[in-house]
Amino acid sequence: MTRRTSRGLAAAAAVTVATATAALLPSPGASAASAPQARVFMVNPVQSSGDQSLTDHKDAVSDVPASAYATVALRNLDASGALSGKWVAVRSETGNPAKAADAASFDRSDDEFEQVMAYFWVNESQEYLQSLGFGTELRGANDRVQPVRLNQWGSDNSFFTDKKAEIRFGKGGVDDAEDAEVIVHEYGHAVHHAQVPGFGTSPEAGAIGEAFGDYLAVAVGTNAVAKYGWPMKADQACVADWDATGYSAAPHCLRRVDGTKTYADLEGEVHADGEIWSRALFDIRGKLGARTADRIIVNAQFGFTADTSFQAAALTTVATAQKMYGTAAADAVRGAFRARAIPGV
């Protein structure tokens, strides 16, 4: 079963492409001698600029300020020269396969830019999980080479496919892999599948999967902003601000992780219902801090079933908090789920 990110299709008028050649903002630690340098978006152009008027016109360079790009190191690459390494292997359906040695030369007008974005942000996501202890003191959470395909189907949709355990990114409007939060959202599905194969076979489990993808996107993006000293001028709780510019009113959001929905608002659509669960996760982060919250949230997922309910998953998360950090943490987690009126917690 695929795990789709819902978004509308938007038509865009062509504009004259102006070359942006301003100096890129360097990232701390990006000058490692052995690591090729790359150009990426700082999460996404709306977050880094705060400019809600940005729009996409078929990959026009002039749509995005040069300050939206950053130089980074591509870590954990193998010796192939391609965008392939310890945690991710990228292949492209359109355009030329990007070479790691050329990764600093691409901008959004190049198909290769999306390949570089996919490599960097999937690697960044696994590195974040590793920094929390997954793969060392805790069980690994998708600590393998993650296959990624770009521009699959040529449509404005991205998804994780259980059959091949592969992430596929589409295009149309803003190309999906131009927004790091779309990339990390889909990686969240890969993490869930690695923890519980086939996760998401019931409506509530599917909603939990969408919610975790949104939450992980916020968590990884927030961590990267702090780690690299990048700006964040848009709303932290808003997911995929850049991808959503073509089909949502400003301030642009695909979804939010700080909404007001409760269990009574279930409507049977996994993306909409996921906003109940993601708000609970966001509240746990607010109460316990990022590191403690994320260790609990991800570790708890090993105890989920493929068709878990909100109630069962919440109780498992509370029990995980109790085991890892004691009663005070468990009470904080329970309170976050009770605030969403999840029954029986």
C-alpha atoms as a PDB file:
ATOM      1  CA  MET A   1       0.000   0.000   0.000  1.00  0.00           C
ATOM      2  CA  THR A   2       1.361   3.419  -0.895  1.00  0.00           C
ATOM      3  CA  ARG A   3       1.506   6.330   1.518  1.00  0.00           C
ATOM      4  CA  ARG A   4       0.620   9.448  -0.425  1.00  0.00           C
ATOM      5  CA  THR A   5       1.138  13.082   0.417  1.00  0.00           C
ATOM      6  CA  SER A   6      -2.055  14.891  -0.576  1.00  0.00           C
ATOM      7  CA  ARG A   7      -1.718  18.031  -2.604  1.00  0.00           C
ATOM      8  CA  GLY A   8      -3.576  19.781  -5.381  1.00  0.00           C
ATOM      9  CA  LEU A   9      -2.322  20.447  -8.908  1.00  0.00           C
ATOM     10  CA  ALA A  10      -1.464  24.016  -9.838  1.00  0.00           C
ATOM     11  CA  ALA A  11      -0.905  25.587 -13.248  1.00  0.00           C
ATOM     12  CA  ALA A  12       2.034  27.966 -13.534  1.00  0.00           C
ATOM     13  CA  ALA A  13       2.851  30.607 -16.139  1.00  0.00           C
ATOM     14  CA  ALA A  14       6.335  30.648 -17.649  1.00  0.00           C
ATOM     15  CA  VAL A  15       8.620  33.551 -16.805  1.00  0.00           C
ATOM     16  CA  THR A  16      11.999  34.665 -18.068  1.00  0.00           C
ATOM     17  CA  VAL A  17      14.760  32.831 -16.269  1.00  0.00           C
ATOM     18  CA  ALA A  18      17.298  35.103 -14.657  1.00  0.00           C
ATOM     19  CA  THR A  19      20.515  33.555 -13.431  1.00  0.00           C
ATOM     20  CA  ALA A  20      21.104  33.894  -9.706  1.00  0.00           C
ATOM     21  CA  THR A  21      24.801  33.954  -8.976  1.00  0.00           C
ATOM     22  CA  ALA A  22      24.962  35.525  -5.536  1.00  0.00           C
ATOM     23  CA  ALA A  23      27.278  33.923  -2.991  1.00  0.00           C
ATOM     24  CA  LEU A  24      25.823  30.976  -1.134  1.00  0.00           C
ATOM     25  CA  LEU A  25      25.475  30.901   2.609  1.00  0.00           C
ATOM     26  CA  PRO A  26      27.971  28.361   3.950  1.00  0.00           C
ATOM     27  CA  SER A  27      26.942  25.840   6.546  1.00  0.00           C
ATOM     28  CA  PRO A  28      29.044  25.221   9.666  1.00  0.00           C
ATOM     29  CA  GLY A  29      30.951  21.997   9.250  1.00  0.00           C
ATOM     30  CA  ALA A  30      30.358  21.890   5.510  1.00  0.00           C
ATOM     31  CA  SER A  31      34.060  22.189   4.641  1.00  0.00           C
ATOM     32  CA  ALA A  32      35.075  18.629   5.482  1.00  0.00           C
ATOM     33  CA  ALA A  33      37.913  17.895   3.076  1.00  0.00           C
ATOM     34  CA  SER A  34      36.667  14.445   2.084  1.00  0.00           C
ATOM     35  CA  ALA A  35      33.034  15.417   1.485  1.00  0.00           C
ATOM     36  CA  PRO A  36      31.825  16.940  -1.803  1.00  0.00           C
ATOM     37  CA  GLN A  37      30.030  20.247  -1.461  1.00  0.00           C
ATOM     38  CA  ALA A  38      26.442  20.675  -2.608  1.00  0.00           C
ATOM     39  CA  ARG A  39      23.818  23.358  -3.070  1.00  0.00           C
ATOM     40  CA  VAL A  40      20.473  22.758  -1.342  1.00  0.00           C
ATOM     41  CA  PHE A  41      17.527  24.721  -0.047  1.00  0.00           C
ATOM     42  CA  MET A  42      17.591  25.585   3.638  1.00  0.00           C
ATOM     43  CA  VAL A  43      14.583  23.348   4.358  1.00  0.00           C
ATOM     44  CA  ASN A  44      12.625  25.337   1.772  1.00  0.00           C
ATOM     45  CA  PRO A  45      12.647  28.863   0.290  1.00  0.00           C
ATOM     46  CA  VAL A  46       9.561  30.046   2.195  1.00  0.00           C
ATOM     47  CA  GLN A  47      10.996  28.997   5.552  1.00  0.00           C
ATOM     48  CA  SER A  48      14.390  30.555   4.937  1.00  0.00           C
ATOM     49  CA  SER A  49      13.051  33.831   3.512  1.00  0.00           C
ATOM     50  CA  GLY A  50       9.704  34.237   5.232  1.00  0.00           C
ATOM     51  CA  ASP A  51       8.373  35.418   1.876  1.00  0.00           C
ATOM     52  CA  GLN A  52       4.851  34.076   1.390  1.00  0.00           C
ATOM     53  CA  SER A  53       4.636  35.633  -2.087  1.00  0.00           C
ATOM     54  CA  LEU A  54       7.112  33.180  -3.635  1.00  0.00           C
ATOM     55  CA  THR A  55       5.600  31.119  -6.435  1.00  0.00           C
ATOM     56  CA  ASP A  56       6.815  28.473  -8.841  1.00  0.00           C
ATOM     57  CA  HIS A  57       6.976  29.045 -12.597  1.00  0.00           C
ATOM     58  CA  LYS A  58       8.247  25.773 -14.018  1.00  0.00           C
ATOM     59  CA  ASP A  59      11.595  25.755 -12.226  1.00  0.00           C
ATOM     60  CA  ALA A  60      12.507  29.362 -13.007  1.00  0.00           C
ATOM     61  CA  VAL A  61      15.680  30.341 -11.164  1.00  0.00           C
ATOM     62  CA  SER A  62      14.323  33.852 -10.665  1.00  0.00           C
ATOM     63  CA  ASP A  63      11.428  32.585  -8.522  1.00  0.00           C
ATOM     64  CA  VAL A  64      13.718  31.984  -5.556  1.00  0.00           C
ATOM     65  CA  PRO A  65      16.331  34.333  -4.058  1.00  0.00           C
ATOM     66  CA  ALA A  66      19.925  33.157  -4.082  1.00  0.00           C
ATOM     67  CA  SER A  67      19.905  33.461  -0.287  1.00  0.00           C
ATOM     68  CA  ALA A  68      17.505  30.500  -0.157  1.00  0.00           C
ATOM     69  CA  TYR A  69      20.373  28.180  -1.122  1.00  0.00           C
ATOM     70  CA  ALA A  70      23.060  26.912   1.213  1.00  0.00           C
ATOM     71  CA  THR A  71      26.289  25.014   0.688  1.00  0.00           C
ATOM     72  CA  VAL A  72      26.519  21.733   2.559  1.00  0.00           C
ATOM     73  CA  ALA A  73      28.692  18.655   2.720  1.00  0.00           C
ATOM     74  CA  LEU A  74      27.353  15.442   1.198  1.00  0.00           C
ATOM     75  CA  ARG A  75      28.238  12.929   3.869  1.00  0.00           C
ATOM     76  CA  ASN A  76      28.294   9.126   3.840  1.00  0.00           C
ATOM     77  CA  LEU A  77      28.746   8.795   0.072  1.00  0.00           C
ATOM     78  CA  ASP A  78      30.184   5.606  -1.377  1.00  0.00           C
ATOM     79  CA  ALA A  79      33.022   5.541  -3.915  1.00  0.00           C
ATOM     80  CA  SER A  80      30.801   5.366  -7.020  1.00  0.00           C
ATOM     81  CA  GLY A  81      30.767   9.102  -7.698  1.00  0.00           C
ATOM     82  CA  ALA A  82      26.960   9.016  -7.820  1.00  0.00           C
ATOM     83  CA  LEU A  83      24.467  10.136  -5.185  1.00  0.00           C
ATOM     84  CA  SER A  84      24.683   6.815  -3.414  1.00  0.00           C
ATOM     85  CA  GLY A  85      25.916   6.045   0.056  1.00  0.00           C
ATOM     86  CA  LYS A  86      25.409   4.498   3.460  1.00  0.00           C
ATOM     87  CA  TRP A  87      21.840   5.673   3.980  1.00  0.00           C
ATOM     88  CA  VAL A  88      20.435   6.582   0.545  1.00  0.00           C
ATOM     89  CA  ALA A  89      20.729   5.735  -3.150  1.00  0.00           C
ATOM     90  CA  VAL A  90      19.171   8.170  -5.644  1.00  0.00           C
ATOM     91  CA  ARG A  91      18.163   7.458  -9.219  1.00  0.00           C
ATOM     92  CA  SER A  92      16.461   9.828 -11.650  1.00  0.00           C
ATOM     93  CA  GLU A  93      13.610   9.088 -14.048  1.00  0.00           C
ATOM     94  CA  THR A  94      14.252  12.279 -16.045  1.00  0.00           C
ATOM     95  CA  GLY A  95      17.377  14.246 -16.795  1.00  0.00           C
ATOM     96  CA  ASN A  96      20.955  13.187 -16.225  1.00  0.00           C
ATOM     97  CA  PRO A  97      21.999  11.342 -13.072  1.00  0.00           C
ATOM     98  CA  ALA A  98      23.725  13.835 -10.817  1.00  0.00           C
ATOM     99  CA  LYS A  99      27.374  13.331  -9.983  1.00  0.00           C
ATOM    100  CA  ALA A 100      28.443  14.073  -6.441  1.00  0.00           C
ATOM    101  CA  ALA A 101      31.429  16.091  -7.687  1.00  0.00           C
ATOM    102  CA  ASP A 102      29.052  18.499  -9.500  1.00  0.00           C
ATOM    103  CA  ALA A 103      26.517  18.882  -6.691  1.00  0.00           C
ATOM    104  CA  ALA A 104      27.448  22.496  -5.894  1.00  0.00           C
ATOM    105  CA  SER A 105      26.749  23.649  -9.454  1.00  0.00           C
ATOM    106  CA  PHE A 106      23.012  22.937  -9.685  1.00  0.00           C
ATOM    107  CA  ASP A 107      20.039  25.204  -9.035  1.00  0.00           C
ATOM    108  CA  ARG A 108      16.298  24.591  -9.177  1.00  0.00           C
ATOM    109  CA  SER A 109      16.252  24.833 -12.978  1.00  0.00           C
ATOM    110  CA  ASP A 110      18.287  21.605 -13.111  1.00  0.00           C
ATOM    111  CA  ASP A 111      16.742  18.159 -12.604  1.00  0.00           C
ATOM    112  CA  GLU A 112      19.937  17.246 -10.804  1.00  0.00           C
ATOM    113  CA  PHE A 113      19.152  19.759  -8.053  1.00  0.00           C
ATOM    114  CA  GLU A 114      16.230  17.649  -6.851  1.00  0.00           C
ATOM    115  CA  GLN A 115      18.456  14.582  -6.798  1.00  0.00           C
ATOM    116  CA  VAL A 116      20.931  16.424  -4.588  1.00  0.00           C
ATOM    117  CA  MET A 117      18.111  17.599  -2.314  1.00  0.00           C
ATOM    118  CA  ALA A 118      16.823  14.044  -1.974  1.00  0.00           C
ATOM    119  CA  TYR A 119      20.258  12.672  -1.103  1.00  0.00           C
ATOM    120  CA  PHE A 120      21.095  15.373   1.428  1.00  0.00           C
ATOM    121  CA  TRP A 121      17.764  15.383   3.275  1.00  0.00           C
ATOM    122  CA  VAL A 122      17.302  11.606   3.444  1.00  0.00           C
ATOM    123  CA  ASN A 123      20.855  11.309   4.774  1.00  0.00           C
ATOM    124  CA  GLU A 124      20.156  14.178   7.187  1.00  0.00           C
ATOM    125  CA  SER A 125      17.039  12.370   8.441  1.00  0.00           C
ATOM    126  CA  GLN A 126      18.888   9.152   9.214  1.00  0.00           C
ATOM    127  CA  GLU A 127      21.740  11.071  10.791  1.00  0.00           C
ATOM    128  CA  TYR A 128      19.195  12.739  13.072  1.00  0.00           C
ATOM    129  CA  LEU A 129      17.809   9.361  14.120  1.00  0.00           C
ATOM    130  CA  GLN A 130      21.347   8.118  14.687  1.00  0.00           C
ATOM    131  CA  SER A 131      22.026  11.154  16.890  1.00  0.00           C
ATOM    132  CA  LEU A 132      19.090  10.080  19.072  1.00  0.00           C
ATOM    133  CA  GLY A 133      20.721   6.695  19.627  1.00  0.00           C
ATOM    134  CA  PHE A 134      18.823   4.640  17.045  1.00  0.00           C
ATOM    135  CA  GLY A 135      21.222   2.107  15.618  1.00  0.00           C
ATOM    136  CA  THR A 136      23.482   2.178  18.680  1.00  0.00           C
ATOM    137  CA  GLU A 137      21.875   2.102  22.133  1.00  0.00           C
ATOM    138  CA  LEU A 138      18.406   1.728  20.601  1.00  0.00           C
ATOM    139  CA  ARG A 139      17.219  -0.450  17.724  1.00  0.00           C
ATOM    140  CA  GLY A 140      17.978   0.939  14.302  1.00  0.00           C
ATOM    141  CA  ALA A 141      15.108   2.774  12.597  1.00  0.00           C
ATOM    142  CA  ASN A 142      15.491   2.278   8.832  1.00  0.00           C
ATOM    143  CA  ASP A 143      19.261   2.222   9.215  1.00  0.00           C
ATOM    144  CA  ARG A 144      19.831   0.884   5.703  1.00  0.00           C
ATOM    145  CA  VAL A 145      20.320   2.224   2.195  1.00  0.00           C
ATOM    146  CA  GLN A 146      17.033   3.916   1.262  1.00  0.00           C
ATOM    147  CA  PRO A 147      16.207   3.723  -2.470  1.00  0.00           C
ATOM    148  CA  VAL A 148      14.821   6.984  -3.894  1.00  0.00           C
ATOM    149  CA  ARG A 149      13.463   7.693  -7.378  1.00  0.00           C
ATOM    150  CA  LEU A 150      12.889  11.198  -8.756  1.00  0.00           C
ATOM    151  CA  ASN A 151      10.095  12.480 -11.012  1.00  0.00           C
ATOM    152  CA  GLN A 152       8.232   9.194 -10.934  1.00  0.00           C
ATOM    153  CA  TRP A 153       5.005   9.295 -12.985  1.00  0.00           C
ATOM    154  CA  GLY A 154       5.600  12.972 -13.849  1.00  0.00           C
ATOM    155  CA  SER A 155       2.718  13.884 -11.528  1.00  0.00           C
ATOM    156  CA  ASP A 156       2.343  16.128  -8.493  1.00  0.00           C
ATOM    157  CA  ASN A 157       2.474  13.391  -5.904  1.00  0.00           C
ATOM    158  CA  SER A 158       5.088  11.579  -3.864  1.00  0.00           C
ATOM    159  CA  PHE A 159       4.829   8.360  -1.955  1.00  0.00           C
ATOM    160  CA  PHE A 160       6.524   5.419  -0.282  1.00  0.00           C
ATOM    161  CA  THR A 161       5.820   2.018  -1.792  1.00  0.00           C
ATOM    162  CA  ASP A 162       5.791  -0.997   0.509  1.00  0.00           C
ATOM    163  CA  LYS A 163       6.546  -3.484  -2.260  1.00  0.00           C
ATOM    164  CA  LYS A 164      10.014  -2.134  -3.012  1.00  0.00           C
ATOM    165  CA  ALA A 165      10.476  -0.108   0.201  1.00  0.00           C
ATOM    166  CA  GLU A 166      11.223   2.785  -2.139  1.00  0.00           C
ATOM    167  CA  ILE A 167      10.445   6.493  -1.993  1.00  0.00           C
ATOM    168  CA  ARG A 168       9.253   8.142  -5.217  1.00  0.00           C
ATOM    169  CA  PHE A 169       9.064  11.896  -5.755  1.00  0.00           C
ATOM    170  CA  GLY A 170       6.899  13.500  -8.427  1.00  0.00           C
ATOM    171  CA  LYS A 171       6.789  16.870 -10.126  1.00  0.00           C
ATOM    172  CA  GLY A 172       4.179  19.433 -11.079  1.00  0.00           C
ATOM    173  CA  GLY A 173       3.739  22.820  -9.496  1.00  0.00           C
ATOM    174  CA  VAL A 174       6.713  22.953  -7.158  1.00  0.00           C
ATOM    175  CA  ASP A 175       8.657  19.754  -7.846  1.00  0.00           C
ATOM    176  CA  ASP A 176       8.237  17.726  -4.679  1.00  0.00           C
ATOM    177  CA  ALA A 177      11.918  17.146  -3.981  1.00  0.00           C
ATOM    178  CA  GLU A 178      12.523  20.905  -3.890  1.00  0.00           C
ATOM    179  CA  ASP A 179      10.876  20.970  -0.460  1.00  0.00           C
ATOM    180  CA  ALA A 180      12.850  19.188   2.246  1.00  0.00           C
ATOM    181  CA  GLU A 181       9.732  18.683   4.338  1.00  0.00           C
ATOM    182  CA  VAL A 182       8.118  16.633   1.551  1.00  0.00           C
ATOM    183  CA  ILE A 183      11.305  14.566   1.337  1.00  0.00           C
ATOM    184  CA  VAL A 184      11.425  13.929   5.078  1.00  0.00           C
ATOM    185  CA  HIS A 185       7.673  13.250   5.265  1.00  0.00           C
ATOM    186  CA  GLU A 186       8.056  10.393   2.807  1.00  0.00           C
ATOM    187  CA  TYR A 187      11.113   9.159   4.678  1.00  0.00           C
ATOM    188  CA  GLY A 188       8.877   8.970   7.754  1.00  0.00           C
ATOM    189  CA  HIS A 189       6.796   6.329   5.962  1.00  0.00           C
ATOM    190  CA  ALA A 190       9.981   4.394   5.208  1.00  0.00           C
ATOM    191  CA  VAL A 191      10.900   4.503   8.899  1.00  0.00           C
ATOM    192  CA  HIS A 192       7.481   3.214   9.939  1.00  0.00           C
ATOM    193  CA  HIS A 193       7.662   0.402   7.382  1.00  0.00           C
ATOM    194  CA  ALA A 194      11.124  -0.613   8.573  1.00  0.00           C
ATOM    195  CA  GLN A 195       9.871  -0.732  12.158  1.00  0.00           C
ATOM    196  CA  VAL A 196       6.566  -2.475  11.398  1.00  0.00           C
ATOM    197  CA  PRO A 197       6.444  -3.957   7.867  1.00  0.00           C
ATOM    198  CA  GLY A 198       3.228  -3.029   6.094  1.00  0.00           C
ATOM    199  CA  PHE A 199       2.351  -0.373   8.655  1.00  0.00           C
ATOM    200  CA  GLY A 200      -0.892   1.483   7.996  1.00  0.00           C
ATOM    201  CA  THR A 201      -3.472  -1.177   7.135  1.00  0.00           C
ATOM    202  CA  SER A 202      -6.305   0.478   9.081  1.00  0.00           C
ATOM    203  CA  PRO A 203      -7.616   4.049   8.726  1.00  0.00           C
ATOM    204  CA  GLU A 204      -6.267   5.104  12.126  1.00  0.00           C
ATOM    205  CA  ALA A 205      -2.891   3.486  11.504  1.00  0.00           C
ATOM    206  CA  GLY A 206      -2.760   5.234   8.139  1.00  0.00           C
ATOM    207  CA  ALA A 207      -3.469   8.551   9.855  1.00  0.00           C
ATOM    208  CA  ILE A 208      -0.694   7.876  12.373  1.00  0.00           C
ATOM    209  CA  GLY A 209       1.664   7.235   9.446  1.00  0.00           C
ATOM    210  CA  GLU A 210       0.813  10.559   7.804  1.00  0.00           C
ATOM    211  CA  ALA A 211       1.121  12.337  11.143  1.00  0.00           C
ATOM    212  CA  PHE A 212       4.537  10.887  11.881  1.00  0.00           C
ATOM    213  CA  GLY A 213       5.760  11.895   8.421  1.00  0.00           C
ATOM    214  CA  ASP A 214       4.652  15.474   9.062  1.00  0.00           C
ATOM    215  CA  TYR A 215       6.119  15.474  12.558  1.00  0.00           C
ATOM    216  CA  LEU A 216       9.460  14.021  11.428  1.00  0.00           C
ATOM    217  CA  ALA A 217       9.644  16.695   8.716  1.00  0.00           C
ATOM    218  CA  VAL A 218       9.305  19.390  11.371  1.00  0.00           C
ATOM    219  CA  ALA A 219      11.749  17.647  13.732  1.00  0.00           C
ATOM    220  CA  VAL A 220      14.494  17.108  11.144  1.00  0.00           C
ATOM    221  CA  GLY A 221      14.080  20.579   9.653  1.00  0.00           C
ATOM    222  CA  THR A 222      14.192  22.244  13.069  1.00  0.00           C
ATOM    223  CA  ASN A 223      17.288  20.253  14.008  1.00  0.00           C
ATOM    224  CA  ALA A 224      19.051  21.170  10.752  1.00  0.00           C
ATOM    225  CA  VAL A 225      18.244  24.861  11.171  1.00  0.00           C
ATOM    226  CA  ALA A 226      19.800  24.817  14.635  1.00  0.00           C
ATOM    227  CA  LYS A 227      22.764  22.626  13.664  1.00  0.00           C
ATOM    228  CA  TYR A 228      23.801  24.623  10.617  1.00  0.00           C
ATOM    229  CA  GLY A 229      22.838  28.070  11.872  1.00  0.00           C
ATOM    230  CA  TRP A 230      20.269  28.563   9.101  1.00  0.00           C
ATOM    231  CA  PRO A 231      17.416  31.063   9.401  1.00  0.00           C
ATOM    232  CA  MET A 232      13.796  29.997   9.892  1.00  0.00           C
ATOM    233  CA  LYS A 233      11.533  32.935   9.161  1.00  0.00           C
ATOM    234  CA  ALA A 234       8.260  31.065   8.598  1.00  0.00           C
ATOM    235  CA  ASP A 235       6.039  29.057  10.932  1.00  0.00           C
ATOM    236  CA  GLN A 236       7.744  25.980  12.384  1.00  0.00           C
ATOM    237  CA  ALA A 237       4.455  24.098  12.726  1.00  0.00           C
ATOM    238  CA  CYS A 238       3.553  24.571   9.062  1.00  0.00           C
ATOM    239  CA  VAL A 239       4.573  21.603   6.895  1.00  0.00           C
ATOM    240  CA  ALA A 240       5.808  21.957   3.291  1.00  0.00           C
ATOM    241  CA  ASP A 241       5.348  25.720   2.931  1.00  0.00           C
ATOM    242  CA  TRP A 242       7.105  25.846  -0.448  1.00  0.00           C
ATOM    243  CA  ASP A 243       5.360  22.843  -1.989  1.00  0.00           C
ATOM    244  CA  ALA A 244       1.998  24.299  -0.944  1.00  0.00           C
ATOM    245  CA  THR A 245       2.468  27.705  -2.591  1.00  0.00           C
ATOM    246  CA  GLY A 246       0.627  26.630  -5.728  1.00  0.00           C
ATOM    247  CA  TYR A 247      -2.619  25.536  -4.080  1.00  0.00           C
ATOM    248  CA  SER A 248      -3.058  27.087  -0.633  1.00  0.00           C
ATOM    249  CA  ALA A 249      -3.635  30.627   0.548  1.00  0.00           C
ATOM    250  CA  ALA A 250      -0.889  32.426   2.444  1.00  0.00           C
ATOM    251  CA  PRO A 251       0.460  31.520   4.887  1.00  0.00           C
ATOM    252  CA  HIS A 252       1.041  28.409   2.797  1.00  0.00           C
ATOM    253  CA  CYS A 253       0.839  25.006   4.493  1.00  0.00           C
ATOM    254  CA  LEU A 254       0.303  21.475   3.277  1.00  0.00           C
ATOM    255  CA  ARG A 255      -0.775  20.618   6.827  1.00  0.00           C
ATOM    256  CA  ARG A 256      -0.061  21.799  10.366  1.00  0.00           C
ATOM    257  CA  VAL A 257       1.180  19.975  13.454  1.00  0.00           C
ATOM    258  CA  ASP A 258      -0.348  22.431  15.935  1.00  0.00           C
ATOM    259  CA  GLY A 259      -4.019  22.220  14.984  1.00  0.00           C
ATOM    260  CA  THR A 260      -7.003  21.966  17.321  1.00  0.00           C
ATOM    261  CA  LYS A 261      -8.567  18.714  16.119  1.00  0.00           C
ATOM    262  CA  THR A 262      -9.572  16.024  18.597  1.00  0.00           C
ATOM    263  CA  TYR A 263     -10.644  12.400  18.201  1.00  0.00           C
ATOM    264  CA  ALA A 264     -14.226  13.560  17.705  1.00  0.00           C
ATOM    265  CA  ASP A 265     -13.099  15.218  14.458  1.00  0.00           C
ATOM    266  CA  LEU A 266     -12.150  11.940  12.745  1.00  0.00           C
ATOM    267  CA  GLU A 267     -13.442  11.956   9.168  1.00  0.00           C
ATOM    268  CA  GLY A 268     -11.852   8.863   7.663  1.00  0.00           C
ATOM    269  CA  GLU A 269      -9.254  10.614   5.486  1.00  0.00           C
ATOM    270  CA  VAL A 270      -5.755   9.758   6.657  1.00  0.00           C
ATOM    271  CA  HIS A 271      -4.086  13.117   5.986  1.00  0.00           C
ATOM    272  CA  ALA A 272      -6.848  15.093   7.679  1.00  0.00           C
ATOM    273  CA  ASP A 273      -7.076  12.696  10.627  1.00  0.00           C
ATOM    274  CA  GLY A 274      -3.312  12.660  10.972  1.00  0.00           C
ATOM    275  CA  GLU A 275      -3.463  16.229  12.242  1.00  0.00           C
ATOM    276  CA  ILE A 276      -4.946  14.855  15.483  1.00  0.00           C
ATOM    277  CA  TRP A 277      -1.957  12.593  16.099  1.00  0.00           C
ATOM    278  CA  SER A 278       0.710  15.040  14.924  1.00  0.00           C
ATOM    279  CA  ARG A 279      -0.588  17.677  17.350  1.00  0.00           C
ATOM    280  CA  ALA A 280      -0.170  15.196  20.198  1.00  0.00           C
ATOM    281  CA  LEU A 281       3.412  14.484  19.103  1.00  0.00           C
ATOM    282  CA  PHE A 282       4.132  18.214  18.810  1.00  0.00           C
ATOM    283  CA  ASP A 283       2.791  18.735  22.335  1.00  0.00           C
ATOM    284  CA  ILE A 284       4.987  15.926  23.680  1.00  0.00           C
ATOM    285  CA  ARG A 285       7.977  17.709  22.129  1.00  0.00           C
ATOM    286  CA  GLY A 286       6.907  20.946  23.797  1.00  0.00           C
ATOM    287  CA  LYS A 287       6.597  19.275  27.188  1.00  0.00           C
ATOM    288  CA  LEU A 288       9.693  17.035  27.179  1.00  0.00           C
ATOM    289  CA  GLY A 289      12.069  18.731  24.763  1.00  0.00           C
ATOM    290  CA  ALA A 290      13.079  17.555  21.316  1.00  0.00           C
ATOM    291  CA  ARG A 291      15.557  14.809  22.157  1.00  0.00           C
ATOM    292  CA  THR A 292      13.569  13.089  24.905  1.00  0.00           C
ATOM    293  CA  ALA A 293      10.317  13.365  22.977  1.00  0.00           C
ATOM    294  CA  ASP A 294      11.729  12.016  19.741  1.00  0.00           C
ATOM    295  CA  ARG A 295      13.474   9.091  21.411  1.00  0.00           C
ATOM    296  CA  ILE A 296      10.162   8.120  23.007  1.00  0.00           C
ATOM    297  CA  ILE A 297       8.047   8.699  19.894  1.00  0.00           C
ATOM    298  CA  VAL A 298      10.247   6.706  17.524  1.00  0.00           C
ATOM    299  CA  ASN A 299      11.075   3.934  19.992  1.00  0.00           C
ATOM    300  CA  ALA A 300       7.383   3.438  20.791  1.00  0.00           C
ATOM    301  CA  GLN A 301       6.645   2.716  17.135  1.00  0.00           C
ATOM    302  CA  PHE A 302       8.477  -0.618  17.339  1.00  0.00           C
ATOM    303  CA  GLY A 303       5.579  -1.732  19.549  1.00  0.00           C
ATOM    304  CA  PHE A 304       2.817  -0.729  17.122  1.00  0.00           C
ATOM    305  CA  THR A 305       0.945  -3.186  14.944  1.00  0.00           C
ATOM    306  CA  ALA A 306       0.315  -2.635  11.240  1.00  0.00           C
ATOM    307  CA  ASP A 307      -3.367  -1.889  11.938  1.00  0.00           C
ATOM    308  CA  THR A 308      -2.955  -0.099  15.258  1.00  0.00           C
ATOM    309  CA  SER A 309      -5.637   2.223  16.589  1.00  0.00           C
ATOM    310  CA  PHE A 310      -5.049   5.675  18.072  1.00  0.00           C
ATOM    311  CA  GLN A 311      -5.832   4.245  21.509  1.00  0.00           C
ATOM    312  CA  ALA A 312      -3.433   1.309  21.242  1.00  0.00           C
ATOM    313  CA  ALA A 313      -0.620   3.443  19.809  1.00  0.00           C
ATOM    314  CA  ALA A 314      -1.106   6.097  22.482  1.00  0.00           C
ATOM    315  CA  LEU A 315      -0.991   3.533  25.288  1.00  0.00           C
ATOM    316  CA  THR A 316       2.159   2.002  23.794  1.00  0.00           C
ATOM    317  CA  THR A 317       3.782   5.441  23.638  1.00  0.00           C
ATOM    318  CA  VAL A 318       2.869   6.155  27.270  1.00  0.00           C
ATOM    319  CA  ALA A 319       4.328   2.802  28.323  1.00  0.00           C
ATOM    320  CA  THR A 320       7.504   3.506  26.351  1.00  0.00           C
ATOM    321  CA  ALA A 321       7.890   6.877  28.073  1.00  0.00           C
ATOM    322  CA  GLN A 322       7.460   5.205  31.458  1.00  0.00           C
ATOM    323  CA  LYS A 323      10.101   2.583  30.673  1.00  0.00           C
ATOM    324  CA  MET A 324      12.620   5.033  29.226  1.00  0.00           C
ATOM    325  CA  TYR A 325      12.213   8.084  31.463  1.00  0.00           C
ATOM    326  CA  GLY A 326       9.819   7.343  34.317  1.00  0.00           C
ATOM    327  CA  THR A 327       6.479   8.537  35.601  1.00  0.00           C
ATOM    328  CA  ALA A 328       6.823  12.256  34.930  1.00  0.00           C
ATOM    329  CA  ALA A 329       7.548  11.642  31.245  1.00  0.00           C
ATOM    330  CA  ALA A 330       4.711   9.104  30.989  1.00  0.00           C
ATOM    331  CA  ASP A 331       2.295  11.593  32.537  1.00  0.00           C
ATOM    332  CA  ALA A 332       3.347  14.263  30.049  1.00  0.00           C
ATOM    333  CA  VAL A 333       2.802  11.905  27.128  1.00  0.00           C
ATOM    334  CA  ARG A 334      -0.558  10.777  28.492  1.00  0.00           C
ATOM    335  CA  GLY A 335      -1.619  14.386  28.904  1.00  0.00           C
ATOM    336  CA  ALA A 336      -0.807  15.166  25.269  1.00  0.00           C
ATOM    337  CA  PHE A 337      -3.005  12.313  24.039  1.00  0.00           C
ATOM    338  CA  ARG A 338      -5.802  13.139  26.472  1.00  0.00           C
ATOM    339  CA  ALA A 339      -5.798  16.707  25.153  1.00  0.00           C
ATOM    340  CA  ARG A 340      -6.718  15.193  21.762  1.00  0.00           C
ATOM    341  CA  ALA A 341      -9.533  13.283  23.534  1.00  0.00           C
ATOM    342  CA  ILE A 342      -8.182   9.902  22.428  1.00  0.00           C
ATOM    343  CA  PRO A 343     -10.364   7.434  24.336  1.00  0.00           C
ATOM    344  CA  GLY A 344      -9.032   5.073  26.961  1.00  0.00           C
ATOM    345  CA  VAL A 345      -5.669   6.790  27.508  1.00  0.00           C
END
